[in-house]
Amino acid sequence: MRELILRLKEKPDISLEVEGVLPNVVAEMRLEDIENLPIQYGNKKVKLSEFFDVSFEKSEVPRIVFEGDMSRVKRIGWKLDGGEIIVEGNAGMYLGAFMSGGRIVVEGDVGDFSALNMKGGEIIVRGNAGNYLCASYRGEWRGMGGGTVLVEGNVGKEMGANMRNGKIVVKGTADEFAGVSMKGGLIVLEKAKARVGAGMTGGVIVANEVEDLLPGFLEEGTVENPEIEGEVFEGTFKVYTGDHAERRAKGRIYVRIQ
């Protein structure tokens, strides 16, 4: 198998979109054909080779490595269904959106709408993530349906909006409205800002610290070392149910108190 290395020649003035450049797509393609793959630059199509130097190395799994600052490169890993993508720097909007399998590792930050409507696979972000991580597409009420996302830094607003399944772990702070309208799945946070779980009717949020809870959440008592989705969380937690501003709400928020 081969590892495709895409080295950005220079940071583009406007965004590039690399939808369709996926490990399983390019696995058997000739170098020349890969260089001629169409990508979007503003309102026109250009060849991949206009912005990237293309080369190969041997690999045990189908893999694409993006080298350089990809903060203006959108849709990396869009609809990924297998293989691996490594981004050796920052990545732009829509990273891993609609992915159903495979693995993405980003050594820097990721832009807004990353892991949008994710269905499966794994994403690891070494830096921070923008707004709407693992959220639903605008106008769509079905959000993240599976997979796992780990962010080692902080996350922007409305993370996990309309989430139905899967797992999100944030080792830093999640901005306002984390888990908004959540229906299922598990979110694990170091710290949550205001309005966490607003409108949630299902699923579980576990946090070491919560800035504020909405009045629709009712305290149900405390638990020691709760086991949630097969994982034991050590410590003492207050348990809240809600958001009872919604009908038949069955969501739970666990907040560590020691």
Protein backbone atom coordinates (compact mmCIF):
# COMPACT_ATOMS: atom_id res chain seq x y z
CA MET A 1 0.00 0.00 0.00
CA ARG A 2 0.99 3.63 -0.45
CA GLU A 3 1.06 6.84 1.52
CA LEU A 4 0.21 9.85 -0.58
CA ILE A 5 2.03 13.01 0.54
CA LEU A 6 0.48 16.34 -0.45
CA ARG A 7 2.79 19.23 0.34
CA LEU A 8 1.14 22.64 0.06
CA LYS A 9 3.24 24.90 -2.17
CA GLU A 10 2.00 28.11 -0.57
CA LYS A 11 -0.96 29.22 1.51
CA PRO A 12 -3.76 30.16 -0.90
CA ASP A 13 -5.28 33.64 -0.90
CA ILE A 14 -8.78 32.13 -0.80
CA SER A 15 -10.00 28.73 0.31
CA LEU A 16 -9.29 25.49 -1.49
CA GLU A 17 -11.75 22.59 -1.31
CA VAL A 18 -10.35 19.05 -1.60
CA GLU A 19 -13.57 17.07 -1.40
CA GLY A 20 -13.04 13.64 -2.98
CA VAL A 21 -9.29 13.40 -2.32
CA LEU A 22 -9.52 10.32 -0.09
CA PRO A 23 -7.18 7.39 0.70
CA ASN A 24 -9.42 4.74 -0.86
CA VAL A 25 -9.97 6.87 -3.95
CA VAL A 26 -6.30 7.47 -4.76
CA ALA A 27 -4.99 4.08 -3.56
CA GLU A 28 -4.58 2.60 -7.06
CA MET A 29 -4.30 5.78 -9.10
CA ARG A 30 -1.21 6.77 -11.07
CA LEU A 31 0.77 9.78 -9.91
CA GLU A 32 -0.18 11.72 -13.04
CA ASP A 33 -3.88 11.04 -12.50
CA ILE A 34 -3.67 12.20 -8.88
CA GLU A 35 -1.91 15.40 -9.92
CA ASN A 36 -4.78 16.06 -12.35
CA LEU A 37 -7.55 15.55 -9.78
CA PRO A 38 -9.89 18.55 -9.78
CA ILE A 39 -10.20 20.65 -6.64
CA GLN A 40 -12.14 23.85 -6.05
CA TYR A 41 -10.37 27.21 -5.80
CA GLY A 42 -12.88 29.97 -5.25
CA ASN A 43 -15.37 29.71 -8.11
CA LYS A 44 -13.23 27.61 -10.45
CA LYS A 45 -11.81 24.12 -10.77
CA VAL A 46 -8.04 23.67 -10.74
CA LYS A 47 -5.70 20.69 -10.79
CA LEU A 48 -4.44 19.34 -7.48
CA SER A 49 -0.85 19.83 -8.66
CA GLU A 50 -1.34 23.60 -8.99
CA PHE A 51 -1.29 23.90 -5.20
CA PHE A 52 0.33 20.66 -4.00
CA ASP A 53 3.55 18.79 -4.61
CA VAL A 54 2.56 15.12 -4.87
CA SER A 55 4.72 12.13 -3.87
CA PHE A 56 4.44 8.60 -2.49
CA GLU A 57 5.90 6.52 0.31
CA LYS A 58 5.21 2.94 1.37
CA SER A 59 2.54 2.41 4.01
CA GLU A 60 0.75 -0.41 5.80
CA VAL A 61 -2.63 1.30 5.32
CA PRO A 62 -4.05 3.64 2.68
CA ARG A 63 -3.01 7.07 3.93
CA ILE A 64 -2.85 10.70 2.86
CA VAL A 65 -0.53 13.15 4.61
CA PHE A 66 -1.17 16.87 4.20
CA GLU A 67 1.97 18.93 4.87
CA GLY A 68 1.78 22.67 5.47
CA ASP A 69 -0.74 25.13 6.87
CA MET A 70 -4.13 23.83 5.70
CA SER A 71 -6.20 26.43 7.55
CA ARG A 72 -7.58 27.60 4.18
CA VAL A 73 -8.09 24.08 2.85
CA LYS A 74 -11.68 22.96 3.36
CA ARG A 75 -13.36 19.53 3.29
CA ILE A 76 -10.33 17.39 4.11
CA GLY A 77 -11.71 13.91 4.73
CA TRP A 78 -15.22 14.83 3.53
CA LYS A 79 -17.20 11.53 3.44
CA LEU A 80 -14.14 9.51 4.45
CA ASP A 81 -15.06 5.81 4.66
CA GLY A 82 -11.70 4.14 5.28
CA GLY A 83 -7.95 4.59 5.46
CA GLU A 84 -6.14 7.35 7.32
CA ILE A 85 -5.53 11.07 6.89
CA ILE A 86 -2.79 12.96 8.72
CA VAL A 87 -2.71 16.77 8.73
CA GLU A 88 0.66 18.06 9.90
CA GLY A 89 -0.63 21.47 10.89
CA ASN A 90 -3.97 23.27 10.97
CA ALA A 91 -7.00 22.26 8.89
CA GLY A 92 -9.88 24.31 7.51
CA MET A 93 -13.63 24.02 7.75
CA TYR A 94 -15.61 20.79 7.31
CA LEU A 95 -12.77 18.43 8.21
CA GLY A 96 -14.19 14.89 8.43
CA ALA A 97 -17.72 16.02 7.66
CA PHE A 98 -20.09 13.12 6.87
CA MET A 99 -17.31 10.58 7.44
CA SER A 100 -18.41 6.99 8.13
CA GLY A 101 -15.08 5.23 8.73
CA GLY A 102 -11.33 5.59 8.82
CA ARG A 103 -9.17 7.86 10.95
CA ILE A 104 -8.08 11.50 10.84
CA VAL A 105 -5.31 13.01 12.98
CA VAL A 106 -4.73 16.78 12.96
CA GLU A 107 -1.59 18.06 14.66
CA GLY A 108 -2.96 21.62 14.94
CA ASP A 109 -6.37 23.32 15.02
CA VAL A 110 -9.48 22.60 12.93
CA GLY A 111 -12.04 25.03 11.56
CA ASP A 112 -15.79 25.34 12.01
CA PHE A 113 -18.20 22.51 11.15
CA SER A 114 -15.60 19.75 11.54
CA ALA A 115 -17.03 16.22 11.95
CA LEU A 116 -20.38 17.57 10.75
CA ASN A 117 -22.98 14.75 10.69
CA MET A 118 -20.23 12.21 11.39
CA LYS A 119 -21.43 8.58 11.27
CA GLY A 120 -18.32 6.57 12.17
CA GLY A 121 -14.55 6.47 12.37
CA GLU A 122 -12.18 8.44 14.57
CA ILE A 123 -10.88 12.02 14.63
CA ILE A 124 -8.05 13.26 16.87
CA VAL A 125 -7.32 16.99 17.09
CA ARG A 126 -4.14 17.97 18.95
CA GLY A 127 -5.12 21.65 19.08
CA ASN A 128 -8.44 23.51 19.23
CA ALA A 129 -11.66 23.08 17.26
CA GLY A 130 -13.95 25.80 15.96
CA ASN A 131 -17.71 26.21 16.26
CA TYR A 132 -20.25 23.47 15.46
CA LEU A 133 -17.92 20.52 15.97
CA CYS A 134 -19.90 17.26 15.47
CA ALA A 135 -23.04 19.31 14.88
CA SER A 136 -25.82 18.77 12.35
CA TYR A 137 -25.88 20.39 8.92
CA ARG A 138 -27.90 23.61 8.82
CA GLY A 139 -31.60 22.72 8.64
CA GLU A 140 -30.96 19.07 9.52
CA TRP A 141 -32.25 17.77 12.88
CA ARG A 142 -30.21 14.54 12.76
CA GLY A 143 -26.71 15.25 14.06
CA MET A 144 -23.70 13.05 14.77
CA GLY A 145 -24.72 9.38 14.52
CA GLY A 146 -21.52 7.55 15.45
CA GLY A 147 -17.76 7.60 15.70
CA THR A 148 -15.34 9.12 18.20
CA VAL A 149 -13.78 12.59 18.35
CA LEU A 150 -11.01 13.66 20.71
CA VAL A 151 -9.98 17.33 21.01
CA GLU A 152 -6.97 18.02 23.21
CA GLY A 153 -7.62 21.77 23.33
CA ASN A 154 -10.77 23.91 23.42
CA VAL A 155 -13.94 23.82 21.31
CA GLY A 156 -16.23 26.58 20.05
CA LYS A 157 -19.98 27.03 20.31
CA GLU A 158 -22.76 24.47 19.70
CA MET A 159 -20.57 21.40 19.76
CA GLY A 160 -22.62 18.22 19.30
CA ALA A 161 -25.80 20.03 18.27
CA ASN A 162 -28.54 17.44 17.61
CA MET A 163 -26.11 14.61 18.43
CA ARG A 164 -27.75 11.15 18.30
CA ASN A 165 -24.88 8.75 18.99
CA GLY A 166 -21.10 8.55 19.20
CA LYS A 167 -18.59 10.02 21.64
CA ILE A 168 -16.87 13.40 21.95
CA VAL A 169 -14.03 14.03 24.41
CA VAL A 170 -12.73 17.56 25.00
CA LYS A 171 -9.74 17.99 27.30
CA GLY A 172 -10.17 21.74 27.41
CA THR A 173 -13.20 24.06 27.55
CA ALA A 174 -16.34 23.80 25.43
CA ASP A 175 -17.94 27.15 24.65
CA GLU A 176 -21.66 27.92 25.04
CA PHE A 177 -24.44 25.50 24.03
CA ALA A 178 -22.34 22.31 24.05
CA GLY A 179 -24.73 19.42 23.45
CA VAL A 180 -27.62 21.68 22.43
CA SER A 181 -30.68 19.63 21.40
CA MET A 182 -28.69 16.45 22.04
CA LYS A 183 -30.70 13.22 21.69
CA GLY A 184 -28.09 10.52 22.41
CA GLY A 185 -24.41 9.71 22.67
CA LEU A 186 -21.73 10.73 25.19
CA ILE A 187 -19.87 14.02 25.63
CA VAL A 188 -16.95 14.23 28.08
CA LEU A 189 -15.62 17.69 28.97
CA GLU A 190 -13.04 19.23 31.21
CA LYS A 191 -15.13 22.41 31.44
CA ALA A 192 -18.43 23.54 29.95
CA LYS A 193 -19.48 27.15 29.58
CA ALA A 194 -23.06 28.40 29.95
CA ARG A 195 -26.15 26.74 28.45
CA VAL A 196 -24.56 23.30 28.23
CA GLY A 197 -27.17 20.72 27.21
CA ALA A 198 -29.81 23.31 26.32
CA GLY A 199 -32.82 21.52 24.88
CA MET A 200 -31.28 18.06 25.26
CA THR A 201 -33.73 15.15 25.47
CA GLY A 202 -31.28 12.24 25.64
CA GLY A 203 -27.65 11.29 25.88
CA VAL A 204 -25.10 11.97 28.62
CA ILE A 205 -22.70 14.83 29.33
CA VAL A 206 -19.88 14.37 31.86
CA ALA A 207 -17.93 17.44 32.99
CA ASN A 208 -15.36 18.22 35.62
CA GLU A 209 -16.64 21.80 35.76
CA VAL A 210 -19.78 23.54 34.52
CA GLU A 211 -20.08 27.33 34.41
CA ASP A 212 -23.85 27.34 34.77
CA LEU A 213 -26.83 25.04 34.25
CA LEU A 214 -30.17 26.11 32.82
CA PRO A 215 -33.22 25.96 35.12
CA GLY A 216 -34.62 23.06 33.08
CA PHE A 217 -32.15 20.68 34.74
CA LEU A 218 -33.14 19.01 38.02
CA GLU A 219 -30.64 17.66 40.51
CA GLU A 220 -31.24 13.96 41.19
CA GLY A 221 -28.50 13.30 43.79
CA THR A 222 -24.87 12.21 43.79
CA VAL A 223 -23.07 9.08 42.59
CA GLU A 224 -19.62 7.61 43.14
CA ASN A 225 -17.52 6.34 40.23
CA PRO A 226 -20.41 6.09 37.75
CA GLU A 227 -20.15 3.67 34.84
CA ILE A 228 -21.41 5.31 31.67
CA GLU A 229 -21.41 3.63 28.28
CA GLY A 230 -19.06 0.98 29.64
CA GLU A 231 -16.56 3.54 31.00
CA VAL A 232 -15.97 4.21 34.69
CA PHE A 233 -15.54 7.86 35.70
CA GLU A 234 -13.72 8.10 39.01
CA GLY A 235 -14.90 10.60 41.57
CA THR A 236 -18.08 11.98 43.07
CA PHE A 237 -20.60 13.53 40.70
CA LYS A 238 -23.85 15.45 41.00
CA VAL A 239 -26.40 14.09 38.55
CA TYR A 240 -28.90 16.31 36.75
CA THR A 241 -31.70 15.29 34.39
CA GLY A 242 -33.24 17.42 31.66
CA ASP A 243 -33.58 19.63 29.83
CA HIS A 244 -37.12 19.57 31.27
CA ALA A 245 -37.99 22.63 29.22
CA GLU A 246 -38.49 19.94 26.54
CA ARG A 247 -41.16 17.22 26.70
CA ARG A 248 -40.11 13.72 27.80
CA ALA A 249 -36.52 14.83 28.41
CA LYS A 250 -34.22 11.99 29.51
CA GLY A 251 -30.82 13.63 29.20
CA ARG A 252 -28.29 13.43 32.02
CA ILE A 253 -25.45 15.71 33.05
CA TYR A 254 -22.82 14.51 35.51
CA VAL A 255 -20.78 17.24 37.21
CA ARG A 256 -17.76 16.27 39.25
CA ILE A 257 -17.73 17.71 42.77
CA GLN A 258 -14.57 15.99 44.02
